[in-house]
N, C-alpha and C. Protein backbone atom coordinates (compact mmCIF):
# COMPACT_ATOMS: atom_id res chain seq x y z
N MET A 1 -8.63 -33.70 7.67
CA MET A 1 -8.08 -32.78 6.97
C MET A 1 -7.45 -33.20 8.02
N ASN A 2 -5.89 -32.39 7.99
CA ASN A 2 -4.86 -32.49 8.56
C ASN A 2 -5.44 -30.44 8.80
N LYS A 3 -5.09 -30.05 9.63
CA LYS A 3 -4.98 -28.31 10.07
C LYS A 3 -3.96 -28.17 10.26
N PHE A 4 -3.36 -27.55 9.99
CA PHE A 4 -2.04 -26.74 9.00
C PHE A 4 -2.03 -25.13 10.49
N LYS A 5 -2.94 -24.55 10.33
CA LYS A 5 -2.99 -22.97 10.50
C LYS A 5 -3.94 -21.98 11.68
N PRO A 6 -4.26 -21.54 12.56
CA PRO A 6 -5.31 -21.62 12.59
C PRO A 6 -6.29 -20.52 11.94
N GLY A 7 -7.73 -21.58 12.46
CA GLY A 7 -8.80 -20.82 12.26
C GLY A 7 -9.43 -19.05 11.64
N GLY A 8 -9.53 -18.76 10.82
CA GLY A 8 -9.35 -17.66 10.41
C GLY A 8 -8.33 -16.34 10.25
N TRP A 9 -7.53 -17.56 10.07
CA TRP A 9 -5.64 -17.10 9.60
C TRP A 9 -5.14 -16.82 7.70
N HIS A 10 -4.20 -15.87 7.20
CA HIS A 10 -4.51 -16.46 5.49
C HIS A 10 -3.08 -17.60 6.47
N THR A 11 -2.65 -18.19 4.84
CA THR A 11 -1.74 -18.79 4.46
C THR A 11 -0.33 -18.01 4.40
N VAL A 12 -0.50 -16.31 4.59
CA VAL A 12 0.96 -15.89 4.77
C VAL A 12 0.06 -14.26 5.28
N THR A 13 1.40 -14.36 6.88
CA THR A 13 0.43 -13.30 7.39
C THR A 13 1.61 -12.26 7.92
N LEU A 14 1.55 -11.17 7.76
CA LEU A 14 2.58 -9.81 7.71
C LEU A 14 2.42 -10.21 8.78
N ARG A 15 4.34 -10.19 9.93
CA ARG A 15 4.69 -10.12 10.93
C ARG A 15 5.09 -8.29 10.99
N ILE A 16 5.46 -7.44 12.00
CA ILE A 16 5.90 -6.43 12.18
C ILE A 16 6.98 -6.86 13.58
N PHE A 17 8.85 -6.58 13.15
CA PHE A 17 8.79 -6.33 14.64
C PHE A 17 9.55 -5.18 14.62
N THR A 18 9.33 -4.00 16.51
CA THR A 18 9.16 -2.49 16.62
C THR A 18 9.39 -2.53 17.92
N GLY A 19 10.39 -1.70 18.04
CA GLY A 19 10.51 -1.30 19.19
C GLY A 19 9.53 -0.64 20.16
N ASP A 20 9.12 -0.45 19.92
CA ASP A 20 7.28 -0.35 20.05
C ASP A 20 5.92 -0.46 19.86
N VAL A 21 6.01 -1.77 20.29
CA VAL A 21 4.59 -2.41 20.53
C VAL A 21 3.60 -2.72 20.23
N ALA A 22 3.49 -1.01 21.87
CA ALA A 22 2.14 -0.73 21.73
C ALA A 22 1.53 0.82 20.95
N GLY A 23 3.19 1.49 20.87
CA GLY A 23 2.46 2.23 19.84
C GLY A 23 2.55 2.25 18.32
N LEU A 24 2.80 1.48 18.40
CA LEU A 24 2.51 0.82 16.22
C LEU A 24 0.81 0.84 16.76
N VAL A 25 0.80 -0.72 17.83
CA VAL A 25 -0.89 -1.51 17.94
C VAL A 25 -1.74 0.92 17.69
N GLY A 26 -0.97 1.10 18.28
CA GLY A 26 -1.73 2.64 19.26
C GLY A 26 -2.64 3.47 17.26
N PHE A 27 -1.11 3.41 16.93
CA PHE A 27 -1.63 4.17 15.40
C PHE A 27 -2.19 2.77 13.92
N LEU A 28 -2.15 1.97 14.29
CA LEU A 28 -3.15 1.29 13.38
C LEU A 28 -4.82 0.51 14.60
N LYS A 29 -5.31 1.59 15.16
CA LYS A 29 -6.46 1.57 15.54
C LYS A 29 -6.81 3.04 15.32
N SER A 30 -6.18 4.20 15.72
CA SER A 30 -6.67 5.26 15.53
C SER A 30 -6.65 5.14 13.81
N VAL A 31 -5.85 4.29 12.86
CA VAL A 31 -6.20 5.00 11.26
C VAL A 31 -7.15 3.23 10.91
N PHE A 32 -6.52 2.44 11.34
CA PHE A 32 -7.14 1.82 9.82
C PHE A 32 -8.32 1.13 10.47
N ASN A 33 -9.06 1.29 12.17
CA ASN A 33 -9.52 1.01 13.47
C ASN A 33 -9.31 -0.30 13.43
N ALA A 34 -8.99 -0.56 13.20
CA ALA A 34 -7.67 -1.93 13.34
C ALA A 34 -8.35 -2.91 15.41
N SER A 35 -8.71 -3.93 15.49
CA SER A 35 -9.00 -4.58 17.05
C SER A 35 -7.72 -5.10 16.87
N GLY A 36 -8.21 -5.34 17.63
CA GLY A 36 -6.71 -6.81 19.05
C GLY A 36 -6.30 -5.82 19.96
N GLU A 37 -5.10 -6.59 21.04
CA GLU A 37 -4.53 -6.20 21.82
C GLU A 37 -2.56 -5.83 21.66
N TYR A 38 -2.61 -5.58 21.97
CA TYR A 38 -1.31 -5.03 22.32
C TYR A 38 -0.79 -6.49 25.06
N ARG A 39 -0.43 -7.27 24.08
CA ARG A 39 0.24 -8.20 24.95
C ARG A 39 1.35 -8.57 25.31
N VAL A 40 1.79 -7.44 26.69
CA VAL A 40 3.15 -8.22 27.27
C VAL A 40 4.49 -9.82 26.90
N GLY A 41 4.68 -10.29 26.65
CA GLY A 41 5.33 -11.77 26.74
C GLY A 41 5.16 -11.87 24.49
N MET A 42 4.27 -11.36 23.74
CA MET A 42 3.93 -12.50 23.09
C MET A 42 3.25 -11.85 22.06
N PRO A 43 3.53 -11.88 20.81
CA PRO A 43 2.44 -10.71 19.99
C PRO A 43 2.00 -10.87 19.79
N ALA A 44 1.26 -9.45 19.29
CA ALA A 44 -0.41 -8.57 19.47
C ALA A 44 -0.22 -8.70 18.36
N GLU A 45 -1.50 -9.59 18.17
CA GLU A 45 -2.28 -10.19 16.12
C GLU A 45 -3.53 -8.57 16.61
N ILE A 46 -3.42 -8.11 15.04
CA ILE A 46 -4.18 -7.21 14.66
C ILE A 46 -5.02 -7.84 13.87
N ASN A 47 -5.89 -6.89 13.77
CA ASN A 47 -6.96 -7.61 12.47
C ASN A 47 -7.21 -6.24 12.05
N ILE A 48 -7.23 -5.91 10.51
CA ILE A 48 -7.33 -4.56 9.52
C ILE A 48 -7.66 -5.35 8.62
N GLY A 49 -9.27 -5.02 8.78
CA GLY A 49 -10.24 -5.54 7.96
C GLY A 49 -11.08 -6.66 7.81
N ASP A 50 -9.62 -8.34 7.08
CA ASP A 50 -9.97 -9.15 6.89
C ASP A 50 -8.63 -10.31 6.91
N SER A 51 -7.77 -9.33 6.69
CA SER A 51 -6.49 -9.86 7.47
C SER A 51 -5.55 -9.21 9.10
N ILE A 52 -4.30 -10.32 9.52
CA ILE A 52 -3.76 -9.88 10.57
C ILE A 52 -2.17 -9.89 10.46
N VAL A 53 -2.86 -8.61 11.02
CA VAL A 53 -0.89 -7.95 11.36
C VAL A 53 -0.27 -8.68 12.42
N MET A 54 0.74 -9.02 13.05
CA MET A 54 1.50 -9.52 14.14
C MET A 54 2.51 -8.98 14.40
N ILE A 55 1.86 -8.18 15.00
CA ILE A 55 2.94 -7.39 15.86
C ILE A 55 3.88 -7.39 17.49
N SER A 56 5.46 -7.60 17.29
CA SER A 56 6.32 -7.73 18.45
C SER A 56 8.02 -7.46 18.88
N ASP A 57 8.31 -6.83 19.72
CA ASP A 57 9.80 -6.62 19.64
C ASP A 57 10.18 -7.78 19.42
N GLY A 58 10.47 -8.89 18.40
CA GLY A 58 10.92 -9.70 18.85
C GLY A 58 11.98 -10.81 19.45
N GLY A 59 11.75 -9.92 21.12
CA GLY A 59 11.98 -11.40 22.33
C GLY A 59 13.08 -11.68 22.00
N GLY A 60 13.66 -9.93 21.44
CA GLY A 60 15.62 -10.19 21.60
C GLY A 60 16.14 -10.68 21.01
N ARG A 61 15.48 -11.66 20.17
CA ARG A 61 16.02 -12.22 19.35
C ARG A 61 16.21 -12.29 17.91
N ARG A 62 15.55 -11.09 17.46
CA ARG A 62 14.94 -10.56 15.73
C ARG A 62 15.09 -8.82 16.31
N GLU A 63 16.19 -8.39 14.97
CA GLU A 63 16.73 -6.98 15.17
C GLU A 63 14.76 -7.16 14.54
N THR A 64 13.80 -5.37 15.12
CA THR A 64 13.59 -4.79 14.51
C THR A 64 13.46 -4.20 13.10
N MET A 65 12.45 -4.45 12.29
CA MET A 65 12.40 -4.09 10.55
C MET A 65 11.23 -3.18 10.65
N PRO A 66 11.99 -2.49 9.32
CA PRO A 66 9.89 -1.50 8.03
C PRO A 66 9.57 -3.30 8.01
N ALA A 67 8.52 -2.92 7.32
CA ALA A 67 7.72 -3.26 6.39
C ALA A 67 6.98 -1.99 5.34
N PHE A 68 6.84 -2.66 4.58
CA PHE A 68 5.87 -2.32 3.39
C PHE A 68 4.99 -3.19 3.25
N LEU A 69 3.73 -2.76 3.77
CA LEU A 69 1.96 -2.93 2.97
C LEU A 69 1.46 -2.19 2.82
N TYR A 70 0.42 -2.78 1.67
CA TYR A 70 -0.52 -2.26 0.79
C TYR A 70 -2.07 -2.77 1.20
N VAL A 71 -2.73 -1.14 1.77
CA VAL A 71 -4.48 -1.69 2.40
C VAL A 71 -5.14 -1.45 1.58
N TYR A 72 -6.10 -1.73 2.13
CA TYR A 72 -7.19 -1.47 1.01
C TYR A 72 -8.53 -1.03 1.98
N VAL A 73 -8.75 0.18 1.94
CA VAL A 73 -9.68 0.66 2.42
C VAL A 73 -11.41 0.77 1.74
N GLU A 74 -11.89 1.88 2.99
CA GLU A 74 -13.76 2.03 2.13
C GLU A 74 -13.31 3.34 1.02
N ASP A 75 -12.48 3.87 1.95
CA ASP A 75 -12.03 5.95 2.02
C ASP A 75 -10.60 6.36 1.75
N ALA A 76 -9.90 6.36 0.42
CA ALA A 76 -8.31 5.87 0.91
C ALA A 76 -7.72 7.03 1.58
N ASP A 77 -8.32 9.05 0.35
CA ASP A 77 -8.79 10.49 1.71
C ASP A 77 -8.34 10.14 2.83
N GLU A 78 -9.72 9.92 3.58
CA GLU A 78 -9.86 10.06 4.58
C GLU A 78 -9.07 9.80 5.48
N THR A 79 -8.32 7.57 5.04
CA THR A 79 -7.88 7.07 6.02
C THR A 79 -6.63 8.34 6.15
N TYR A 80 -6.30 8.43 4.28
CA TYR A 80 -4.54 8.93 4.42
C TYR A 80 -4.54 10.01 5.15
N ARG A 81 -5.77 10.71 5.90
CA ARG A 81 -5.83 11.62 6.36
C ARG A 81 -5.85 11.27 8.23
N LEU A 82 -6.33 10.41 7.72
CA LEU A 82 -6.75 9.97 9.71
C LEU A 82 -4.53 9.42 10.11
N ALA A 83 -4.06 8.68 8.55
CA ALA A 83 -2.61 8.19 9.13
C ALA A 83 -1.78 9.58 9.21
N VAL A 84 -2.09 10.81 8.81
CA VAL A 84 -0.90 11.96 8.94
C VAL A 84 -1.92 12.37 9.61
N ASP A 85 -2.41 13.00 10.67
CA ASP A 85 -3.34 13.46 12.03
C ASP A 85 -2.20 11.99 12.83
N ALA A 86 -2.35 11.66 12.48
CA ALA A 86 -1.10 9.80 13.79
C ALA A 86 -0.68 10.57 13.57
N GLY A 87 0.26 11.40 13.42
CA GLY A 87 2.01 10.59 13.12
C GLY A 87 2.83 10.12 12.14
N ALA A 88 2.01 10.21 10.77
CA ALA A 88 2.44 10.07 9.99
C ALA A 88 3.22 10.80 8.85
N GLU A 89 4.49 10.37 8.00
CA GLU A 89 4.55 11.76 7.07
C GLU A 89 3.93 10.71 6.00
N SER A 90 4.01 12.41 5.33
CA SER A 90 2.92 11.94 3.40
C SER A 90 4.32 11.71 2.50
N VAL A 91 4.22 10.68 2.29
CA VAL A 91 4.93 10.73 0.46
C VAL A 91 4.72 10.42 0.09
N GLU A 92 3.01 10.45 -0.65
CA GLU A 92 2.35 10.13 -1.63
C GLU A 92 0.63 10.27 -1.64
N LYS A 93 0.96 11.59 -1.96
CA LYS A 93 -0.80 12.09 -1.38
C LYS A 93 -1.72 11.78 -2.29
N PRO A 94 -3.28 11.59 -2.22
CA PRO A 94 -3.87 10.79 -2.63
C PRO A 94 -4.34 10.89 -3.47
N LYS A 95 -4.15 10.40 -5.64
CA LYS A 95 -4.16 10.58 -6.73
C LYS A 95 -4.69 8.96 -7.00
N ASP A 96 -5.75 8.96 -8.22
CA ASP A 96 -6.12 7.71 -9.13
C ASP A 96 -4.86 7.18 -10.07
N THR A 97 -4.73 6.18 -9.86
CA THR A 97 -3.50 5.50 -10.83
C THR A 97 -3.73 5.22 -11.86
N PRO A 98 -3.44 4.09 -12.76
CA PRO A 98 -4.80 4.18 -14.34
C PRO A 98 -4.55 2.55 -13.89
N TYR A 99 -4.30 1.64 -12.82
CA TYR A 99 -5.20 0.56 -12.58
C TYR A 99 -6.35 0.81 -11.88
N GLY A 100 -6.45 1.48 -12.03
CA GLY A 100 -8.40 2.23 -11.54
C GLY A 100 -8.39 1.82 -9.17
N ASP A 101 -7.25 1.77 -8.82
CA ASP A 101 -6.66 2.49 -7.21
C ASP A 101 -7.13 3.78 -7.18
N ARG A 102 -7.83 4.18 -5.84
CA ARG A 102 -7.11 5.82 -5.46
C ARG A 102 -6.40 5.46 -4.76
N ARG A 103 -5.14 5.61 -4.41
CA ARG A 103 -3.82 5.52 -4.02
C ARG A 103 -2.93 6.34 -3.04
N ALA A 104 -2.65 6.17 -1.82
CA ALA A 104 -1.68 7.48 -0.61
C ALA A 104 -1.10 6.54 0.07
N THR A 105 0.73 7.15 -0.54
CA THR A 105 1.82 6.19 0.39
C THR A 105 1.98 8.16 2.15
N VAL A 106 2.30 6.35 3.29
CA VAL A 106 2.72 7.16 4.04
C VAL A 106 3.29 6.52 4.51
N LEU A 107 4.50 7.53 5.79
CA LEU A 107 5.34 6.45 6.54
C LEU A 107 5.52 6.73 7.83
N ASP A 108 4.55 5.80 8.20
CA ASP A 108 4.14 5.49 10.25
C ASP A 108 5.46 6.14 10.70
N PRO A 109 5.91 6.84 12.09
CA PRO A 109 6.79 7.05 12.94
C PRO A 109 7.63 5.88 13.02
N TRP A 110 7.25 4.09 12.95
CA TRP A 110 8.10 2.84 13.31
C TRP A 110 9.33 2.63 12.11
N GLY A 111 8.85 3.73 11.12
CA GLY A 111 9.48 2.81 9.54
C GLY A 111 8.58 2.06 8.93
N ASN A 112 7.59 2.11 8.86
CA ASN A 112 6.71 1.12 7.51
C ASN A 112 5.85 2.55 7.07
N ALA A 113 6.63 1.38 5.51
CA ALA A 113 5.56 2.49 4.96
C ALA A 113 3.70 1.70 4.51
N TRP A 114 2.65 2.88 4.43
CA TRP A 114 1.56 2.17 4.39
C TRP A 114 1.14 2.82 2.63
N GLN A 115 0.78 1.72 1.21
CA GLN A 115 -0.11 2.13 0.78
C GLN A 115 -1.43 2.20 1.32
N ILE A 116 -1.99 3.36 0.99
CA ILE A 116 -3.26 3.11 0.96
C ILE A 116 -4.12 3.68 0.49
N ALA A 117 -5.17 2.20 -0.43
CA ALA A 117 -5.78 2.26 -1.42
C ALA A 117 -7.01 2.29 -0.93
N THR A 118 -7.92 2.56 -2.45
CA THR A 118 -9.74 1.83 -2.91
C THR A 118 -9.31 2.09 -4.28
N HIS A 119 -10.08 0.69 -3.84
CA HIS A 119 -10.17 0.50 -5.74
C HIS A 119 -11.83 1.08 -6.17
N ARG A 120 -11.14 1.53 -7.24
CA ARG A 120 -12.81 2.62 -7.69
C ARG A 120 -13.09 1.09 -9.20
N THR A 121 -14.22 1.02 -9.37
CA THR A 121 -14.09 -0.02 -10.52
C THR A 121 -14.43 1.52 -11.91
N VAL A 122 -14.62 0.16 -13.05
CA VAL A 122 -15.35 1.83 -13.97
C VAL A 122 -16.10 2.96 -13.65
N GLN A 123 -17.26 1.90 -12.68
CA GLN A 123 -18.47 2.76 -12.91
C GLN A 123 -18.71 3.47 -11.44
N ASP A 124 -17.42 3.07 -10.46
CA ASP A 124 -16.97 4.48 -10.21
C ASP A 124 -16.91 5.27 -10.30
N ARG A 125 -15.47 5.14 -11.62
CA ARG A 125 -15.08 6.66 -11.37
C ARG A 125 -15.86 7.21 -12.76
N ARG A 126 -16.69 6.67 -13.34
CA ARG A 126 -18.25 7.27 -14.46
C ARG A 126 -18.57 8.20 -13.62
N SER A 127 -19.40 7.94 -12.67
CA SER A 127 -20.31 8.22 -11.38
C SER A 127 -19.45 9.60 -10.84
N LEU A 128 -17.86 9.07 -10.80
CA LEU A 128 -17.28 10.79 -9.93
C LEU A 128 -17.29 11.67 -10.54
N GLY A 129 -16.91 11.40 -12.21
CA GLY A 129 -17.24 12.60 -13.29
C GLY A 129 -16.13 11.94 -13.86
N GLY A 130 -15.46 11.03 -13.23
CA GLY A 130 -13.66 10.86 -14.29
C GLY A 130 -13.93 9.33 -15.55
N PRO A 131 -12.96 9.87 -15.58
CA PRO A 131 -13.10 8.70 -17.38
C PRO A 131 -12.91 7.29 -16.93
N ALA A 132 -13.44 6.16 -17.52
CA ALA A 132 -13.63 5.03 -17.64
C ALA A 132 -12.46 4.20 -17.09
N LEU A 133 -11.46 4.78 -17.68
CA LEU A 133 -9.68 4.56 -16.99
C LEU A 133 -8.75 6.25 -17.65
N ALA A 134 -7.66 6.16 -16.15
CA ALA A 134 -7.21 6.91 -16.33
C ALA A 134 -7.02 7.63 -17.47
N SER A 135 -6.23 9.34 -17.05
CA SER A 135 -5.74 9.28 -18.42
C SER A 135 -4.32 10.20 -17.83
N ASN A 136 -4.27 9.94 -16.75
CA ASN A 136 -2.28 10.11 -16.59
C ASN A 136 -1.69 9.14 -17.16
N ARG A 137 -0.51 10.40 -17.03
CA ARG A 137 0.69 9.43 -17.25
C ARG A 137 1.61 8.52 -16.41
N ALA A 138 1.72 7.56 -16.64
CA ALA A 138 2.06 6.98 -16.03
C ALA A 138 4.07 6.57 -16.09
N LYS A 139 4.61 6.90 -15.15
CA LYS A 139 6.04 6.66 -15.86
C LYS A 139 6.91 5.90 -14.85
N ALA A 140 7.31 4.70 -14.98
CA ALA A 140 8.50 3.62 -14.38
C ALA A 140 9.61 3.49 -14.38
N CYS A 141 10.95 2.93 -13.63
CA CYS A 141 12.13 3.19 -14.25
C CYS A 141 12.20 1.68 -13.99
N PHE A 142 13.12 0.93 -14.49
CA PHE A 142 14.05 -0.06 -13.63
C PHE A 142 15.36 -0.09 -13.93
N SER A 143 15.76 -0.55 -13.18
CA SER A 143 17.91 -1.27 -13.59
C SER A 143 17.25 -2.13 -14.85
N MET A 144 18.14 -2.54 -15.62
CA MET A 144 17.86 -3.99 -16.85
C MET A 144 19.04 -3.69 -16.76
N PRO A 145 20.09 -4.25 -17.95
CA PRO A 145 20.91 -4.35 -18.81
C PRO A 145 20.87 -4.37 -19.67
N ARG A 146 19.75 -3.51 -20.44
CA ARG A 146 19.62 -2.92 -21.97
C ARG A 146 19.00 -1.89 -21.04
N ASP A 147 18.78 -1.42 -23.02
CA ASP A 147 17.65 0.30 -22.41
C ASP A 147 16.33 -0.06 -23.51
N ILE A 148 15.38 0.03 -23.35
CA ILE A 148 14.29 -0.62 -23.98
C ILE A 148 13.21 0.96 -23.36
N THR A 149 12.57 1.52 -23.88
CA THR A 149 11.50 2.08 -24.13
C THR A 149 10.17 2.29 -24.85
N SER A 150 9.19 1.64 -24.17
CA SER A 150 7.95 1.49 -24.82
C SER A 150 6.68 2.07 -24.99
N THR A 151 5.23 2.24 -25.64
CA THR A 151 4.75 2.83 -25.26
C THR A 151 3.42 2.45 -25.43
N ALA A 152 2.73 1.86 -24.27
CA ALA A 152 1.51 1.72 -24.63
C ALA A 152 -0.35 2.63 -24.77
N ARG A 153 -1.10 2.14 -25.68
CA ARG A 153 -1.69 2.58 -25.94
C ARG A 153 -2.96 2.34 -26.12
N ARG A 154 -4.78 2.04 -25.08
CA ARG A 154 -5.20 2.45 -25.14
C ARG A 154 -7.55 3.31 -25.22
N LYS A 155 -8.02 2.44 -27.02
CA LYS A 155 -8.95 3.82 -26.75
C LYS A 155 -9.73 3.00 -26.88
N SER A 156 -10.61 4.59 -26.35
CA SER A 156 -12.20 3.60 -24.98
C SER A 156 -12.75 4.20 -26.80
N ASP A 157 -14.09 3.23 -27.10
CA ASP A 157 -15.35 2.53 -27.71
C ASP A 157 -15.07 4.14 -28.24
N ASP A 158 -15.08 5.66 -28.14
CA ASP A 158 -15.16 6.12 -29.56
C ASP A 158 -14.00 6.34 -30.15
N GLY A 159 -12.64 6.08 -29.86
CA GLY A 159 -11.56 5.59 -30.12
C GLY A 159 -11.17 7.06 -29.85
N SER A 160 -11.51 7.65 -28.90
CA SER A 160 -10.08 8.62 -27.86
C SER A 160 -9.19 7.28 -27.43
N ASP A 161 -7.99 8.31 -27.44
CA ASP A 161 -7.01 8.30 -25.66
C ASP A 161 -7.02 8.33 -24.93
N GLN A 162 -7.25 6.68 -23.81
CA GLN A 162 -8.15 7.23 -22.89
C GLN A 162 -6.50 6.72 -22.06
N TRP A 163 -6.57 5.90 -22.37
CA TRP A 163 -4.73 6.26 -21.12
C TRP A 163 -3.20 5.21 -21.53
N GLU A 164 -2.09 6.43 -21.54
CA GLU A 164 -1.27 5.74 -21.99
C GLU A 164 0.05 5.29 -21.45
N ALA A 165 1.21 5.43 -21.01
CA ALA A 165 1.66 5.10 -20.40
C ALA A 165 3.52 4.46 -21.23
N ASP A 166 4.33 5.52 -19.81
CA ASP A 166 5.25 5.17 -20.91
C ASP A 166 6.03 4.27 -19.52
N VAL A 167 7.14 3.05 -20.47
CA VAL A 167 7.64 2.63 -19.70
C VAL A 167 9.40 2.40 -19.72
N SER A 168 9.64 3.37 -19.09
CA SER A 168 11.45 2.94 -19.99
C SER A 168 12.43 1.94 -18.64
N TRP A 169 13.31 1.40 -19.49
CA TRP A 169 14.51 0.93 -18.26
C TRP A 169 15.52 0.77 -19.25
N PHE A 170 16.64 1.27 -17.93
CA PHE A 170 18.03 1.61 -18.15
C PHE A 170 18.85 1.25 -17.53
N THR A 171 19.88 0.61 -17.91
CA THR A 171 21.32 0.66 -17.01
C THR A 171 21.40 2.13 -16.26
N ARG A 172 22.14 0.94 -14.54
CA ARG A 172 22.34 2.03 -13.43
C ARG A 172 22.84 2.98 -14.03
N SER A 173 23.70 2.68 -15.40
CA SER A 173 24.75 4.06 -15.44
C SER A 173 23.68 5.23 -16.30
N ASP A 174 22.82 4.64 -16.96
CA ASP A 174 21.54 5.60 -18.00
C ASP A 174 20.33 6.28 -17.12
N ASP A 175 20.71 5.46 -15.81
CA ASP A 175 19.12 5.94 -14.64
C ASP A 175 18.74 7.38 -14.44
N PRO A 176 18.42 7.72 -14.63
CA PRO A 176 17.76 9.73 -14.50
C PRO A 176 17.91 10.24 -13.15
N GLN A 177 17.31 9.18 -11.97
CA GLN A 177 17.47 8.60 -11.21
C GLN A 177 18.31 8.94 -9.93
N ARG A 178 19.72 8.17 -11.27
CA ARG A 178 21.69 8.24 -9.75
C ARG A 178 21.41 9.01 -10.57
């Protein structure tokens, strides 16, 4: 069999180019309990959970560019706190989402956005005193060539509403965020 990737690596591997490799590696170690070492002249291979993140300065051939990452952790609230304590800017405080993730978002000092999440099963959410499905209303706006609005509602076993989401599409000129 033809071995086309190193053992332990996934088919898709994230690579971040930054002007401060050592600083970003230190941040990942303190926030995500990452392992791996900063290496001069070659990309740092940093393990976060079961994933590998390559970090380098681009060697003068590539420009630095921020990334947007979604990272599952055991405790989203604690990891969010660690990130803010390590110098990240809070973008979104931890909150429960309709799809079961407790999620927060931070922007690290190098411009990378990190969505930090802990997935909670229906049983997890019930044991924490919450509903099986999130009861908060979620809204999303997208740029589309037409205006469409729809509402979805799911009934629980007892017939009560447990989840509702409005999804609206707007043309750019109608987008209330612009």
